[in-house]
Amino acid sequence: MSSTVLLGAKLVGVMPPSVQKVYRTLRSGKRMHVGDIELKTRYSPRTVRQALRQLKNARLITQIPDMMDMRRHYYMVVAS
């Protein structure tokens, strides 16, 4: 296991439970839209957006534009 993965796991461990759940949801390996994350976590759109913002700022996830609809984005865990 790389040091980046260990550092990411420690960082997520000190974040709020909602952020941890969103991160675990994204670790499935699939890229997801905000709506997909909302359905899986059963969190409100605002809670999901805040969690995604924190994870992006910590550089644990990446945001990918949806080429079919440039207003939407996919999110996925950064490859280690």
C-alpha atoms as a PDB file:
ATOM      1  CA  MET A   1       0.000   0.000   0.000  1.00  0.00           C
ATOM      2  CA  SER A   2       1.451   3.360  -0.978  1.00  0.00           C
ATOM      3  CA  SER A   3       2.092   6.195   1.446  1.00  0.00           C
ATOM      4  CA  THR A   4      -0.418   8.344  -0.470  1.00  0.00           C
ATOM      5  CA  VAL A   5      -3.222   5.882   0.300  1.00  0.00           C
ATOM      6  CA  LEU A   6      -2.243   5.754   3.979  1.00  0.00           C
ATOM      7  CA  LEU A   7      -2.124   9.538   4.211  1.00  0.00           C
ATOM      8  CA  GLY A   8      -5.516   9.800   2.493  1.00  0.00           C
ATOM      9  CA  ALA A   9      -7.062   7.246   4.866  1.00  0.00           C
ATOM     10  CA  LYS A  10      -5.747   9.122   7.898  1.00  0.00           C
ATOM     11  CA  LEU A  11      -7.003  12.430   6.535  1.00  0.00           C
ATOM     12  CA  VAL A  12     -10.474  11.051   5.835  1.00  0.00           C
ATOM     13  CA  GLY A  13     -10.523   9.555   9.343  1.00  0.00           C
ATOM     14  CA  VAL A  14     -10.511  13.013  10.938  1.00  0.00           C
ATOM     15  CA  MET A  15     -13.184  14.447   8.654  1.00  0.00           C
ATOM     16  CA  PRO A  16     -16.904  14.595   9.543  1.00  0.00           C
ATOM     17  CA  PRO A  17     -18.903  11.351   9.205  1.00  0.00           C
ATOM     18  CA  SER A  18     -20.775  12.639   6.152  1.00  0.00           C
ATOM     19  CA  VAL A  19     -17.487  13.251   4.324  1.00  0.00           C
ATOM     20  CA  GLN A  20     -16.249   9.794   5.293  1.00  0.00           C
ATOM     21  CA  LYS A  21     -19.413   8.150   3.944  1.00  0.00           C
ATOM     22  CA  VAL A  22     -19.218  10.042   0.645  1.00  0.00           C
ATOM     23  CA  TYR A  23     -15.547   9.011   0.316  1.00  0.00           C
ATOM     24  CA  ARG A  24     -16.380   5.343   1.021  1.00  0.00           C
ATOM     25  CA  THR A  25     -19.157   5.538  -1.580  1.00  0.00           C
ATOM     26  CA  LEU A  26     -16.749   6.873  -4.187  1.00  0.00           C
ATOM     27  CA  ARG A  27     -14.160   4.194  -3.365  1.00  0.00           C
ATOM     28  CA  SER A  28     -16.323   1.689  -5.247  1.00  0.00           C
ATOM     29  CA  GLY A  29     -14.149   2.645  -8.195  1.00  0.00           C
ATOM     30  CA  LYS A  30     -16.993   3.948 -10.325  1.00  0.00           C
ATOM     31  CA  ARG A  31     -17.239   7.594 -11.238  1.00  0.00           C
ATOM     32  CA  MET A  32     -20.482   9.101  -9.989  1.00  0.00           C
ATOM     33  CA  HIS A  33     -22.636  12.175 -10.458  1.00  0.00           C
ATOM     34  CA  VAL A  34     -23.827  14.114  -7.405  1.00  0.00           C
ATOM     35  CA  GLY A  35     -27.288  12.574  -7.823  1.00  0.00           C
ATOM     36  CA  ASP A  36     -25.835   9.055  -7.714  1.00  0.00           C
ATOM     37  CA  ILE A  37     -23.983   9.878  -4.493  1.00  0.00           C
ATOM     38  CA  GLU A  38     -27.149  11.371  -2.983  1.00  0.00           C
ATOM     39  CA  LEU A  39     -29.075   8.158  -3.717  1.00  0.00           C
ATOM     40  CA  LYS A  40     -26.389   5.874  -2.289  1.00  0.00           C
ATOM     41  CA  THR A  41     -25.719   7.908   0.866  1.00  0.00           C
ATOM     42  CA  ARG A  42     -29.279   9.227   1.342  1.00  0.00           C
ATOM     43  CA  TYR A  43     -27.794  12.661   2.097  1.00  0.00           C
ATOM     44  CA  SER A  44     -29.211  15.976   0.943  1.00  0.00           C
ATOM     45  CA  PRO A  45     -27.700  17.669  -2.132  1.00  0.00           C
ATOM     46  CA  ARG A  46     -26.141  20.330   0.080  1.00  0.00           C
ATOM     47  CA  THR A  47     -24.457  17.777   2.352  1.00  0.00           C
ATOM     48  CA  VAL A  48     -23.063  15.898  -0.639  1.00  0.00           C
ATOM     49  CA  ARG A  49     -21.756  19.077  -2.278  1.00  0.00           C
ATOM     50  CA  GLN A  50     -20.050  20.153   0.958  1.00  0.00           C
ATOM     51  CA  ALA A  51     -18.466  16.727   1.380  1.00  0.00           C
ATOM     52  CA  LEU A  52     -17.253  16.736  -2.217  1.00  0.00           C
ATOM     53  CA  ARG A  53     -15.782  20.207  -1.740  1.00  0.00           C
ATOM     54  CA  GLN A  54     -13.819  19.049   1.318  1.00  0.00           C
ATOM     55  CA  LEU A  55     -12.578  15.923  -0.451  1.00  0.00           C
ATOM     56  CA  LYS A  56     -11.530  17.951  -3.520  1.00  0.00           C
ATOM     57  CA  ASN A  57      -9.693  20.473  -1.344  1.00  0.00           C
ATOM     58  CA  ALA A  58      -7.852  17.584   0.325  1.00  0.00           C
ATOM     59  CA  ARG A  59      -7.052  16.258  -3.180  1.00  0.00           C
ATOM     60  CA  LEU A  60      -8.570  12.866  -2.402  1.00  0.00           C
ATOM     61  CA  ILE A  61     -11.052  12.957  -5.286  1.00  0.00           C
ATOM     62  CA  THR A  62     -11.098  14.401  -8.745  1.00  0.00           C
ATOM     63  CA  GLN A  63     -13.845  16.127 -10.715  1.00  0.00           C
ATOM     64  CA  ILE A  64     -14.346  15.107 -14.348  1.00  0.00           C
ATOM     65  CA  PRO A  65     -16.637  16.986 -16.754  1.00  0.00           C
ATOM     66  CA  ASP A  66     -19.505  15.015 -18.278  1.00  0.00           C
ATOM     67  CA  MET A  67     -18.920  15.353 -22.015  1.00  0.00           C
ATOM     68  CA  MET A  68     -22.619  14.758 -22.747  1.00  0.00           C
ATOM     69  CA  ASP A  69     -23.723  17.608 -20.443  1.00  0.00           C
ATOM     70  CA  MET A  70     -21.004  20.091 -19.520  1.00  0.00           C
ATOM     71  CA  ARG A  71     -23.100  21.424 -16.620  1.00  0.00           C
ATOM     72  CA  ARG A  72     -22.593  18.137 -14.777  1.00  0.00           C
ATOM     73  CA  HIS A  73     -19.496  16.475 -13.379  1.00  0.00           C
ATOM     74  CA  TYR A  74     -18.396  13.017 -12.374  1.00  0.00           C
ATOM     75  CA  TYR A  75     -16.433  12.470  -9.181  1.00  0.00           C
ATOM     76  CA  MET A  76     -14.011   9.661  -8.398  1.00  0.00           C
ATOM     77  CA  VAL A  77     -11.245   8.828  -5.948  1.00  0.00           C
ATOM     78  CA  VAL A  78      -7.787   9.901  -7.083  1.00  0.00           C
ATOM     79  CA  ALA A  79      -5.724   6.924  -8.242  1.00  0.00           C
ATOM     80  CA  SER A  80      -2.748   6.209  -6.028  1.00  0.00           C
END
